[in-house]
């Protein structure tokens, strides 16, 4: 044990290990800076959403019936107000999303304009269960998350006839959106029998709807499959969709030219009727209904902050390999390197990540990575060439370092296989180091270093003379 502790090679290894630990301080500072800039990006996106429009969710159309009933209680008669809601039998939603970016400084948020169409049919037979003289109002309602996004209402028809749309919904659960009042007498003209006061013997024909409007939102659009049979289709030229909600598309086509996706559900799979009734009866029970969504997020595939975070995670591997290469040079060439030289090399490697995050905000991640890797490689090649008094070795070190940066760039691009590739790379490098040093006599190396240290003062005196 005493020999091990007095071994100069072991002492040098321990110091290099300490220096490696100390280098985690600037790397941690760079990582915190990336987190701070990423958090600032989210703040900017929220600011843009507050000043324009946020994520959109569409629920409807559905029919809201307000009626009054008389109740006898302890010999007194009271009038109570009730609501009944009728969901569509068939529900079809089609949207073509045109995406664009809105900038604030160096940050951006992705918005879209959705050319939307709602169509389908209603079964009005539930109206026959209510006496006509008790019905106060009948409205058809469409709710949206942010009504500021209703840029334009185009062709809005019921049974092929244009209708007048009014803002708001009049409901606490879905306050924003639009509605249209329905004339009960006009609905009765759809019946196959003359007007009946109690409506019980009246058979109403299906009511068709066709709503066309332009909806603006930010990043996400979601639709509640409110029909007993629902079909949803969305398309866009944006090539990076992320499908969200309780239902994945039954079919989707994604390419560099954009995407097209179709969803389908029915009341048995979604249980939408029961969930909707619970929500309208008790606002606190809307959580399950809120999760019954079909939607898509227009995402950046991997933003430069996330890639920079992943690059910093591989910094341990880069610094370890560079320090290991210097350590091997000392072993095989009997060339002593000062700890300060290790420190300068480590700081230069850490500075690479600061250059990466600062340049990526302006040039994008790929160009930022290329320029940062070139700058770091040139600096270290010149320094190592001078440190070893050998320009060729400096160039060779530069080629190896740029190759290492290239491998790491490949790891960052391979989202699905990054962990596997990184594990294999670490295993291959460790195997190479173990093979290269398998015949090294570490105790003998300590003696060689002792001889070098004894001869070094004499050599320096001769050089000075």
Protein backbone atom coordinates (compact mmCIF):
# COMPACT_ATOMS: atom_id res chain seq x y z
CA UNK A 1 0.00 0.00 0.00
CA UNK A 2 2.89 2.36 0.79
CA UNK A 3 4.37 1.74 -2.65
CA UNK A 4 1.05 2.54 -4.24
CA UNK A 5 0.69 5.80 -2.31
CA UNK A 6 4.26 6.81 -3.17
CA UNK A 7 3.79 5.90 -6.82
CA UNK A 8 4.13 9.10 -8.84
CA UNK A 9 1.91 7.76 -11.61
CA UNK A 10 -0.88 7.06 -9.11
CA UNK A 11 -0.44 10.52 -7.60
CA UNK A 12 -0.67 12.10 -11.05
CA UNK A 13 -3.77 10.04 -11.82
CA UNK A 14 -5.35 11.22 -8.57
CA UNK A 15 -4.62 14.85 -9.38
CA UNK A 16 -6.05 14.52 -12.87
CA UNK A 17 -9.14 12.92 -11.35
CA UNK A 18 -9.47 15.88 -8.94
CA UNK A 19 -9.12 18.28 -11.85
CA UNK A 20 -11.80 16.34 -13.71
CA UNK A 21 -14.15 16.81 -10.75
CA UNK A 22 -13.38 20.53 -10.54
CA UNK A 23 -14.21 20.94 -14.24
CA UNK A 24 -17.77 19.90 -13.41
CA UNK A 25 -18.23 23.36 -11.87
CA UNK A 26 -18.03 25.32 -15.17
CA UNK A 27 -19.95 22.54 -16.95
CA UNK A 28 -22.67 22.79 -14.30
CA UNK A 29 -22.79 26.55 -14.83
CA UNK A 30 -23.23 26.03 -18.59
CA UNK A 31 -26.00 23.48 -17.92
CA UNK A 32 -27.78 25.96 -15.61
CA UNK A 33 -27.46 28.62 -18.30
CA UNK A 34 -29.13 26.31 -20.83
CA UNK A 35 -31.98 25.66 -18.37
CA UNK A 36 -32.38 29.38 -17.77
CA UNK A 37 -32.55 30.16 -21.50
CA UNK A 38 -34.99 27.30 -22.04
CA UNK A 39 -37.20 28.63 -19.24
CA UNK A 40 -37.05 32.07 -20.83
CA UNK A 41 -38.26 30.56 -24.10
CA UNK A 42 -41.32 29.13 -22.31
CA UNK A 43 -42.00 32.54 -20.78
CA UNK A 44 -41.88 34.17 -24.21
CA UNK A 45 -44.26 31.57 -25.61
CA UNK A 46 -46.68 32.26 -22.76
CA UNK A 47 -46.39 36.00 -23.41
CA UNK A 48 -47.15 35.46 -27.10
CA UNK A 49 -50.14 33.29 -26.15
CA UNK A 50 -51.44 36.03 -23.84
CA UNK A 51 -51.12 38.67 -26.54
CA UNK A 52 -52.48 36.55 -29.42
CA UNK A 53 -54.02 33.11 -28.88
CA UNK A 54 -53.10 29.99 -26.94
CA UNK A 55 -53.68 26.31 -27.47
CA UNK A 56 -57.12 25.52 -28.85
CA UNK A 57 -59.69 22.90 -27.88
CA UNK A 58 -63.00 22.57 -29.71
CA UNK A 59 -66.07 20.99 -28.14
CA UNK A 60 -69.38 20.99 -29.99
CA UNK A 61 -71.70 21.63 -31.52
CA UNK A 62 -74.34 20.48 -29.07
CA UNK A 63 -77.91 21.64 -28.46
CA UNK A 64 -78.76 23.29 -25.14
CA UNK A 65 -82.45 23.26 -24.18
CA UNK A 66 -83.64 25.52 -21.37
CA UNK A 67 -87.08 24.71 -19.98
CA UNK A 68 -89.19 25.31 -16.86
CA UNK A 69 -91.16 22.83 -14.77
CA UNK A 70 -93.61 23.31 -11.94
CA UNK A 71 -92.83 21.51 -8.69
CA UNK A 72 -95.20 21.02 -5.75
CA UNK A 73 -93.56 21.20 -2.36
CA UNK A 74 -95.51 21.23 0.92
CA UNK A 75 -98.61 22.50 -0.82
CA UNK A 76 -96.78 25.25 -2.63
CA UNK A 77 -95.91 25.39 -6.29
CA UNK A 78 -92.48 26.40 -7.50
CA UNK A 79 -91.06 26.89 -10.97
CA UNK A 80 -87.62 25.34 -11.47
CA UNK A 81 -85.36 25.84 -14.43
CA UNK A 82 -83.75 22.83 -16.10
CA UNK A 83 -81.28 22.22 -18.91
CA UNK A 84 -81.10 19.35 -21.33
CA UNK A 85 -78.27 18.77 -23.77
CA UNK A 86 -78.45 16.93 -27.06
CA UNK A 87 -75.23 15.64 -28.64
CA UNK A 88 -74.90 15.03 -32.38
CA UNK A 89 -75.55 11.62 -33.83
CA UNK A 90 -72.71 12.06 -36.34
CA UNK A 91 -69.80 14.44 -35.93
CA UNK A 92 -67.16 15.24 -38.53
CA UNK A 93 -64.29 17.68 -38.08
CA UNK A 94 -61.82 18.59 -40.83
CA UNK A 95 -58.98 21.07 -40.48
CA UNK A 96 -56.10 22.17 -42.67
CA UNK A 97 -53.44 23.81 -40.52
CA UNK A 98 -51.21 26.53 -41.92
CA UNK A 99 -48.30 26.97 -39.50
CA UNK A 100 -46.10 30.02 -39.08
CA UNK A 101 -43.65 31.40 -36.53
CA UNK A 102 -44.04 34.50 -34.42
CA UNK A 103 -40.81 36.01 -33.08
CA UNK A 104 -40.00 38.02 -30.00
CA UNK A 105 -36.32 38.85 -29.95
CA UNK A 106 -34.32 35.68 -30.60
CA UNK A 107 -37.19 33.47 -29.41
CA UNK A 108 -40.07 32.13 -31.43
CA UNK A 109 -43.41 30.38 -30.97
CA UNK A 110 -45.21 28.29 -33.57
CA UNK A 111 -48.74 29.34 -34.38
CA UNK A 112 -51.26 28.07 -36.90
CA UNK A 113 -54.41 29.04 -38.74
CA UNK A 114 -56.81 26.12 -39.02
CA UNK A 115 -59.31 26.22 -41.88
CA UNK A 116 -61.94 24.22 -40.00
CA UNK A 117 -65.22 22.56 -40.85
CA UNK A 118 -67.73 21.04 -38.44
CA UNK A 119 -70.51 18.96 -39.96
CA UNK A 120 -72.94 16.26 -38.92
CA UNK A 121 -76.51 15.56 -37.83
CA UNK A 122 -78.67 15.83 -34.71
CA UNK A 123 -81.50 13.56 -33.65
CA UNK A 124 -84.14 15.95 -32.23
CA UNK A 125 -86.36 13.26 -30.75
CA UNK A 126 -85.31 14.14 -27.14
CA UNK A 127 -87.26 17.38 -27.63
CA UNK A 128 -90.47 15.36 -27.83
CA UNK A 129 -90.13 14.47 -24.16
CA UNK A 130 -90.69 18.12 -23.15
CA UNK A 131 -93.93 20.05 -23.49
CA UNK A 132 -93.53 22.84 -26.03
CA UNK A 133 -94.96 25.50 -23.73
CA UNK A 134 -92.32 24.72 -21.10
CA UNK A 135 -89.36 25.30 -23.42
CA UNK A 136 -87.81 28.73 -22.89
CA UNK A 137 -84.97 28.60 -25.40
CA UNK A 138 -83.06 26.25 -27.65
CA UNK A 139 -79.48 27.01 -28.71
CA UNK A 140 -76.77 25.28 -30.65
CA UNK A 141 -73.38 25.83 -28.97
CA UNK A 142 -69.74 25.42 -30.03
CA UNK A 143 -67.07 25.93 -27.37
CA UNK A 144 -63.41 26.85 -28.01
CA UNK A 145 -60.59 27.40 -25.54
CA UNK A 146 -59.65 30.88 -26.76
CA UNK A 147 -62.30 32.79 -28.70
CA UNK A 148 -59.70 35.35 -29.81
CA UNK A 149 -58.66 32.73 -32.32
CA UNK A 150 -62.01 32.88 -34.16
CA UNK A 151 -60.63 35.01 -36.95
CA UNK A 152 -63.37 34.46 -39.49
CA UNK A 153 -66.75 32.72 -39.55
CA UNK A 154 -67.42 31.71 -43.12
CA UNK A 155 -70.40 29.65 -44.22
CA UNK A 156 -72.56 28.65 -41.21
CA UNK A 157 -75.67 26.68 -42.12
CA UNK A 158 -78.37 24.50 -40.57
CA UNK A 159 -80.23 22.26 -43.01
CA UNK A 160 -78.61 24.22 -45.81
CA UNK A 161 -79.87 27.61 -44.56
CA UNK A 162 -77.57 30.35 -43.34
CA UNK A 163 -77.84 31.23 -39.67
CA UNK A 164 -76.84 34.13 -37.48
CA UNK A 165 -74.00 33.44 -35.05
CA UNK A 166 -73.66 35.14 -31.68
CA UNK A 167 -70.52 35.31 -29.51
CA UNK A 168 -70.18 33.34 -26.29
CA UNK A 169 -71.93 30.21 -25.11
CA UNK A 170 -73.80 31.26 -21.97
CA UNK A 171 -72.40 28.20 -20.15
CA UNK A 172 -69.98 28.18 -17.23
CA UNK A 173 -68.25 24.99 -18.34
CA UNK A 174 -67.38 26.31 -21.81
CA UNK A 175 -67.58 30.08 -21.58
CA UNK A 176 -65.81 30.94 -24.82
CA UNK A 177 -67.05 30.09 -28.29
CA UNK A 178 -70.19 30.93 -30.25
CA UNK A 179 -73.84 29.91 -30.40
CA UNK A 180 -76.98 30.37 -32.43
CA UNK A 181 -80.55 30.45 -31.13
CA UNK A 182 -82.93 27.91 -32.66
CA UNK A 183 -86.58 28.65 -33.29
CA UNK A 184 -88.66 25.80 -31.92
CA UNK A 185 -91.44 26.42 -34.41
CA UNK A 186 -88.95 26.12 -37.26
CA UNK A 187 -87.64 22.88 -35.81
CA UNK A 188 -91.19 21.56 -35.77
CA UNK A 189 -91.47 22.22 -39.49
CA UNK A 190 -88.99 19.37 -39.82
CA UNK A 191 -91.56 16.97 -38.37
CA UNK A 192 -93.63 14.58 -40.42
CA UNK A 193 -96.81 15.56 -38.49
CA UNK A 194 -98.57 18.83 -37.68
CA UNK A 195 -97.62 20.82 -34.60
CA UNK A 196 -98.43 19.00 -31.35
CA UNK A 197 -98.35 20.97 -28.14
CA UNK A 198 -96.81 18.16 -26.09
CA UNK A 199 -94.57 17.05 -28.95
CA UNK A 200 -94.92 13.47 -27.72
CA UNK A 201 -96.48 12.26 -30.94
CA UNK A 202 -94.25 14.39 -33.15
CA UNK A 203 -91.45 12.69 -35.07
CA UNK A 204 -88.73 15.20 -35.89
CA UNK A 205 -86.43 14.77 -38.85
CA UNK A 206 -82.64 14.89 -38.32
CA UNK A 207 -81.12 18.36 -38.19
CA UNK A 208 -77.92 18.78 -40.24
CA UNK A 209 -75.25 21.36 -39.50
CA UNK A 210 -72.29 22.66 -41.50
CA UNK A 211 -70.02 25.23 -39.83
CA UNK A 212 -66.94 26.67 -41.54
CA UNK A 213 -64.55 28.99 -39.73
CA UNK A 214 -60.90 30.04 -39.51
CA UNK A 215 -59.35 29.32 -36.11
CA UNK A 216 -55.98 30.60 -34.93
CA UNK A 217 -54.02 28.92 -32.15
CA UNK A 218 -50.54 28.21 -30.85
CA UNK A 219 -48.82 24.85 -31.27
CA UNK A 220 -51.74 22.61 -30.24
CA UNK A 221 -55.27 21.95 -31.52
CA UNK A 222 -57.55 19.36 -29.91
CA UNK A 223 -61.11 18.21 -30.56
CA UNK A 224 -63.60 16.45 -28.29
CA UNK A 225 -65.26 13.56 -30.20
CA UNK A 226 -68.68 14.68 -29.10
CA UNK A 227 -70.78 12.65 -31.53
CA UNK A 228 -72.18 9.18 -31.06
CA UNK A 229 -70.08 8.50 -34.15
CA UNK A 230 -67.13 10.87 -34.61
CA UNK A 231 -64.61 11.28 -37.41
CA UNK A 232 -61.75 13.76 -37.26
CA UNK A 233 -59.19 14.60 -39.94
CA UNK A 234 -56.31 17.07 -39.75
CA UNK A 235 -53.55 17.91 -42.21
CA UNK A 236 -50.70 20.39 -42.50
CA UNK A 237 -47.47 21.02 -44.37
CA UNK A 238 -45.67 21.04 -40.99
CA UNK A 239 -43.65 17.79 -40.98
CA UNK A 240 -43.29 17.34 -37.20
CA UNK A 241 -46.64 16.43 -35.60
CA UNK A 242 -47.07 14.94 -32.14
CA UNK A 243 -50.47 13.30 -31.69
CA UNK A 244 -52.07 13.90 -28.30
CA UNK A 245 -55.17 12.99 -26.32
CA UNK A 246 -56.86 9.73 -25.38
CA UNK A 247 -57.10 8.56 -28.99
CA UNK A 248 -54.30 8.00 -31.47
CA UNK A 249 -55.08 8.31 -35.20
CA UNK A 250 -56.41 5.21 -36.91
CA UNK A 251 -54.25 6.20 -39.87
CA UNK A 252 -51.57 8.80 -40.48
CA UNK A 253 -49.19 9.79 -43.24
CA UNK A 254 -46.11 11.79 -42.19
CA UNK A 255 -43.39 12.96 -44.57
CA UNK A 256 -41.14 15.93 -45.26
CA UNK A 257 -44.08 17.50 -47.10
CA UNK A 258 -46.35 17.44 -44.05
CA UNK A 259 -48.83 15.11 -42.42
CA UNK A 260 -52.39 13.87 -42.70
CA UNK A 261 -54.14 12.00 -39.88
CA UNK A 262 -57.60 10.52 -39.30
CA UNK A 263 -59.30 9.62 -36.02
CA UNK A 264 -62.55 7.73 -35.40
CA UNK A 265 -64.56 6.88 -32.28
CA UNK A 266 -68.06 6.09 -31.10
CA UNK A 267 -70.03 6.53 -27.91
CA UNK A 268 -69.12 3.01 -26.75
CA UNK A 269 -65.38 3.68 -26.90
CA UNK A 270 -65.45 7.27 -25.66
CA UNK A 271 -68.43 7.17 -23.26
CA UNK A 272 -68.77 10.80 -24.25
CA UNK A 273 -72.53 11.11 -23.50
CA UNK A 274 -72.19 10.15 -19.86
CA UNK A 275 -69.04 12.21 -19.31
CA UNK A 276 -70.65 15.25 -20.92
CA UNK A 277 -73.76 14.93 -18.75
CA UNK A 278 -71.65 14.63 -15.60
CA UNK A 279 -69.63 17.70 -16.55
CA UNK A 280 -72.70 19.83 -17.26
CA UNK A 281 -74.32 18.72 -14.00
CA UNK A 282 -71.20 19.27 -11.89
CA UNK A 283 -68.38 21.50 -13.12
CA UNK A 284 -65.96 19.70 -10.82
CA UNK A 285 -66.51 16.46 -12.73
CA UNK A 286 -65.17 17.72 -16.09
CA UNK A 287 -61.67 16.23 -15.75
CA UNK A 288 -62.55 12.98 -17.51
CA UNK A 289 -64.30 14.85 -20.31
CA UNK A 290 -61.28 17.12 -20.71
CA UNK A 291 -59.11 14.08 -21.39
CA UNK A 292 -61.38 12.74 -24.16
CA UNK A 293 -59.50 14.49 -26.93
CA UNK A 294 -58.13 13.93 -30.40
CA UNK A 295 -55.42 16.37 -31.33
CA UNK A 296 -51.98 17.25 -32.58
CA UNK A 297 -49.10 19.45 -31.44
CA UNK A 298 -46.95 21.20 -34.03
CA UNK A 299 -43.61 20.69 -32.34
CA UNK A 300 -40.00 21.43 -33.09
CA UNK A 301 -38.44 17.95 -33.58
CA UNK A 302 -35.71 18.58 -30.98
CA UNK A 303 -35.04 22.22 -30.08
CA UNK A 304 -31.49 23.48 -29.69
CA UNK A 305 -31.81 23.83 -25.90
CA UNK A 306 -32.69 20.17 -25.51
CA UNK A 307 -29.87 19.15 -27.87
CA UNK A 308 -27.45 21.36 -25.95
CA UNK A 309 -28.50 19.69 -22.70
CA UNK A 310 -27.84 16.31 -24.26
CA UNK A 311 -24.46 17.51 -25.55
CA UNK A 312 -23.44 18.62 -22.03
CA UNK A 313 -24.41 15.18 -20.75
CA UNK A 314 -21.71 13.72 -23.02
CA UNK A 315 -19.09 16.23 -21.79
CA UNK A 316 -17.87 13.68 -19.23
CA UNK A 317 -16.99 11.30 -22.04
CA UNK A 318 -15.13 13.97 -24.05
CA UNK A 319 -13.05 15.24 -21.14
CA UNK A 320 -12.31 11.71 -19.97
CA UNK A 321 -11.03 10.68 -23.40
CA UNK A 322 -8.84 13.77 -23.81
CA UNK A 323 -7.33 13.46 -20.35
CA UNK A 324 -6.81 9.74 -20.92
CA UNK A 325 -4.95 10.44 -24.16
CA UNK A 326 -2.61 12.85 -22.36
CA UNK A 327 -2.08 10.33 -19.59
CA UNK A 328 -1.15 7.67 -22.14
CA UNK A 329 1.31 10.08 -23.78
CA UNK A 330 3.02 10.45 -20.43
CA UNK A 331 3.18 6.67 -20.05
CA UNK A 332 4.44 5.71 -23.48
CA UNK A 333 6.59 8.73 -24.34
CA UNK A 334 7.87 9.46 -20.83
CA UNK A 335 6.85 13.08 -21.34
CA UNK A 336 5.72 14.90 -18.23
CA UNK A 337 2.77 17.28 -18.52
CA UNK A 338 2.05 19.90 -15.92
CA UNK A 339 -1.37 19.89 -14.20
CA UNK A 340 -1.86 23.47 -15.37
CA UNK A 341 -1.73 22.17 -18.95
CA UNK A 342 -4.45 19.66 -18.13
CA UNK A 343 -6.47 22.53 -16.65
CA UNK A 344 -6.18 24.72 -19.76
CA UNK A 345 -7.24 21.82 -21.99
CA UNK A 346 -10.21 21.06 -19.72
CA UNK A 347 -11.37 24.71 -19.74
CA UNK A 348 -11.10 24.80 -23.53
CA UNK A 349 -13.32 21.72 -23.72
CA UNK A 350 -15.85 23.31 -21.34
CA UNK A 351 -15.84 26.52 -23.39
CA UNK A 352 -17.03 24.49 -26.39
CA UNK A 353 -20.44 24.05 -24.74
CA UNK A 354 -20.77 27.77 -23.95
CA UNK A 355 -20.04 28.57 -27.61
CA UNK A 356 -22.57 25.93 -28.64
CA UNK A 357 -25.51 27.36 -26.69
CA UNK A 358 -24.74 30.99 -27.56
CA UNK A 359 -24.34 30.34 -31.29
CA UNK A 360 -27.32 27.98 -31.52
CA UNK A 361 -29.72 30.76 -30.51
CA UNK A 362 -28.79 32.63 -33.68
CA UNK A 363 -27.62 30.01 -36.20
CA UNK A 364 -29.50 26.87 -35.20
CA UNK A 365 -27.98 23.86 -33.47
CA UNK A 366 -26.27 22.16 -36.42
CA UNK A 367 -24.27 25.17 -37.61
CA UNK A 368 -23.51 26.16 -34.02
CA UNK A 369 -22.14 22.68 -33.32
CA UNK A 370 -19.96 22.70 -36.44
CA UNK A 371 -18.47 26.14 -35.74
CA UNK A 372 -17.93 25.42 -32.03
CA UNK A 373 -16.26 22.08 -32.80
CA UNK A 374 -13.94 23.70 -35.36
CA UNK A 375 -13.01 26.55 -33.01
CA UNK A 376 -12.33 24.17 -30.10
CA UNK A 377 -10.34 21.74 -32.29
CA UNK A 378 -8.13 24.46 -33.83
CA UNK A 379 -7.37 25.97 -30.42
CA UNK A 380 -6.50 22.65 -28.82
CA UNK A 381 -4.48 21.44 -31.83
CA UNK A 382 -2.25 24.51 -31.70
CA UNK A 383 -1.91 24.27 -27.93
CA UNK A 384 -1.14 20.55 -27.87
CA UNK A 385 1.32 20.90 -30.76
CA UNK A 386 3.23 23.55 -28.82
CA UNK A 387 2.94 21.63 -25.54
CA UNK A 388 4.44 18.51 -27.13
CA UNK A 389 6.87 20.51 -29.30
CA UNK A 390 5.57 18.48 -32.21
CA UNK A 391 3.28 20.02 -34.82
CA UNK A 392 2.40 16.65 -36.36
CA UNK A 393 1.20 15.29 -33.05
CA UNK A 394 -0.86 18.44 -32.57
CA UNK A 395 -2.52 17.90 -35.95
CA UNK A 396 -3.11 14.22 -35.16
CA UNK A 397 -4.72 15.22 -31.88
CA UNK A 398 -6.93 17.69 -33.77
CA UNK A 399 -8.06 15.00 -36.22
CA UNK A 400 -8.92 12.65 -33.35
CA UNK A 401 -10.81 15.40 -31.52
CA UNK A 402 -12.85 16.45 -34.57
CA UNK A 403 -13.64 12.77 -35.12
CA UNK A 404 -14.86 12.52 -31.53
CA UNK A 405 -17.05 15.61 -32.00
CA UNK A 406 -18.41 14.01 -35.16
CA UNK A 407 -19.35 10.84 -33.27
CA UNK A 408 -21.09 12.87 -30.59
CA UNK A 409 -23.01 14.82 -33.23
CA UNK A 410 -24.25 11.53 -34.62
CA UNK A 411 -25.36 10.49 -31.14
CA UNK A 412 -27.31 13.73 -30.70
CA UNK A 413 -29.10 13.24 -34.02
CA UNK A 414 -30.03 9.61 -33.33
CA UNK A 415 -32.91 10.17 -30.92
CA UNK A 416 -34.09 6.56 -30.74
CA UNK A 417 -30.65 4.91 -30.69
CA UNK A 418 -28.63 7.53 -28.76
CA UNK A 419 -28.38 5.48 -25.56
CA UNK A 420 -27.41 2.29 -27.41
CA UNK A 421 -24.80 4.05 -29.55
CA UNK A 422 -23.39 5.91 -26.56
CA UNK A 423 -23.09 2.71 -24.53
CA UNK A 424 -21.33 0.90 -27.37
CA UNK A 425 -18.96 3.85 -27.87
CA UNK A 426 -18.02 3.90 -24.17
CA UNK A 427 -17.48 0.15 -24.17
CA UNK A 428 -15.29 0.32 -27.28
CA UNK A 429 -13.15 3.15 -25.88
CA UNK A 430 -12.69 1.47 -22.50
CA UNK A 431 -11.77 -1.79 -24.24
CA UNK A 432 -9.18 0.05 -26.34
CA UNK A 433 -7.64 1.72 -23.28
CA UNK A 434 -7.45 -1.57 -21.41
CA UNK A 435 -5.83 -3.32 -24.38
CA UNK A 436 -3.25 -0.56 -24.82
CA UNK A 437 -2.25 -0.60 -21.17
CA UNK A 438 -2.54 -4.32 -20.43
CA UNK A 439 1.27 -4.81 -20.44
CA UNK A 440 2.14 -1.61 -18.58
CA UNK A 441 4.21 -2.15 -15.41
CA UNK A 442 2.90 0.71 -13.30
CA UNK A 443 5.61 0.30 -10.64
CA UNK A 444 8.30 0.41 -13.32
CA UNK A 445 6.77 3.58 -14.70
CA UNK A 446 7.19 5.17 -11.29
CA UNK A 447 10.93 4.43 -11.43
CA UNK A 448 11.23 5.86 -14.92
CA UNK A 449 9.53 9.07 -13.78
CA UNK A 450 11.95 9.27 -10.86
CA UNK A 451 14.93 9.04 -13.23
CA UNK A 452 13.44 11.70 -15.46
CA UNK A 453 12.90 14.01 -12.50
CA UNK A 454 16.55 13.52 -11.39
CA UNK A 455 17.93 14.17 -14.87
CA UNK A 456 15.63 17.12 -15.58
CA UNK A 457 17.58 19.74 -13.46
CA UNK A 458 20.88 18.73 -15.09
CA UNK A 459 19.33 19.00 -18.53
CA UNK A 460 17.93 22.42 -17.72
CA UNK A 461 21.41 23.57 -16.49
CA UNK A 462 23.02 22.34 -19.70
CA UNK A 463 20.40 24.10 -21.78
CA UNK A 464 20.94 27.36 -19.90
CA UNK A 465 24.72 27.13 -20.52
